[in-house]
Amino acid sequence: MGALPKRKISKGRRNRRRSHDALKPVHLVACPQCHEMRLPHQVCPSCGTYHGVKVIEIKAKKKKSE
């Protein structure tokens, strides 16, 4: 047998411990170049710019063949 708790953990104490476990909403900002939503302080995944400078080359999306 392992160790057992001496006293029951109250609901308030349990809930205070879990207060940081909730998911936080993702903060998005509009890209000033293409106006797509992106994460702040990150290279825009749709146009490849950061602070107005083209950093990465984005490949064109392929069209579906029918």
Protein backbone atom coordinates (compact mmCIF):
# COMPACT_ATOMS: atom_id res chain seq x y z
CA MET A 1 0.00 0.00 0.00
CA GLY A 2 1.20 3.44 -0.85
CA ALA A 3 0.83 6.61 1.16
CA LEU A 4 -2.69 7.99 1.62
CA PRO A 5 -3.74 11.60 2.16
CA LYS A 6 -4.37 12.46 5.80
CA ARG A 7 -7.21 14.89 4.98
CA LYS A 8 -9.59 15.48 2.09
CA ILE A 9 -8.50 18.28 -0.27
CA SER A 10 -11.31 20.83 -0.28
CA LYS A 11 -13.03 21.83 -3.52
CA GLY A 12 -11.70 25.37 -3.24
CA ARG A 13 -8.10 24.23 -2.82
CA ARG A 14 -8.45 21.79 -5.72
CA ASN A 15 -9.99 24.46 -7.96
CA ARG A 16 -7.33 27.04 -7.08
CA ARG A 17 -4.66 24.53 -8.11
CA ARG A 18 -6.44 24.03 -11.45
CA SER A 19 -6.98 27.75 -12.12
CA HIS A 20 -4.07 27.89 -14.62
CA ASP A 21 -5.11 24.76 -16.54
CA ALA A 22 -7.72 26.50 -18.72
CA LEU A 23 -6.97 27.06 -22.41
CA LYS A 24 -6.22 30.65 -23.32
CA PRO A 25 -7.53 32.18 -26.58
CA VAL A 26 -5.00 32.60 -29.38
CA HIS A 27 -4.07 36.25 -29.89
CA LEU A 28 -4.08 37.12 -33.60
CA VAL A 29 -3.23 40.36 -35.40
CA ALA A 30 -3.78 41.43 -39.00
CA CYS A 31 -0.73 41.40 -41.28
CA PRO A 32 -0.09 44.96 -42.56
CA GLN A 33 0.88 43.65 -46.01
CA CYS A 34 -1.79 41.06 -46.90
CA HIS A 35 -4.29 41.67 -44.03
CA GLU A 36 -4.41 37.96 -43.13
CA MET A 37 -4.58 37.03 -39.46
CA ARG A 38 -1.28 35.84 -37.98
CA LEU A 39 0.47 35.43 -34.62
CA PRO A 40 2.23 38.57 -33.34
CA HIS A 41 6.04 38.73 -33.65
CA GLN A 42 6.01 35.94 -36.25
CA VAL A 43 6.59 35.83 -40.00
CA CYS A 44 3.26 35.96 -41.86
CA PRO A 45 2.55 32.45 -43.21
CA SER A 46 0.55 33.74 -46.17
CA CYS A 47 2.87 36.43 -47.59
CA GLY A 48 6.22 35.73 -45.84
CA THR A 49 6.90 39.25 -44.55
CA TYR A 50 8.09 40.47 -41.16
CA HIS A 51 8.13 44.21 -40.33
CA GLY A 52 7.56 45.01 -44.01
CA VAL A 53 10.55 42.96 -45.22
CA LYS A 54 10.10 39.81 -47.33
CA VAL A 55 11.82 37.14 -45.25
CA ILE A 56 10.72 33.84 -46.78
CA GLU A 57 9.43 32.85 -50.20
CA ILE A 58 5.94 31.40 -50.16
CA LYS A 59 5.09 28.75 -52.75
CA ALA A 60 1.86 29.19 -54.73
CA LYS A 61 -1.00 26.94 -53.72
CA LYS A 62 -1.73 24.08 -56.10
CA LYS A 63 -5.20 23.93 -57.66
CA LYS A 64 -7.17 20.71 -57.39
CA SER A 65 -7.50 18.87 -60.70
CA GLU A 66 -11.00 17.78 -61.56
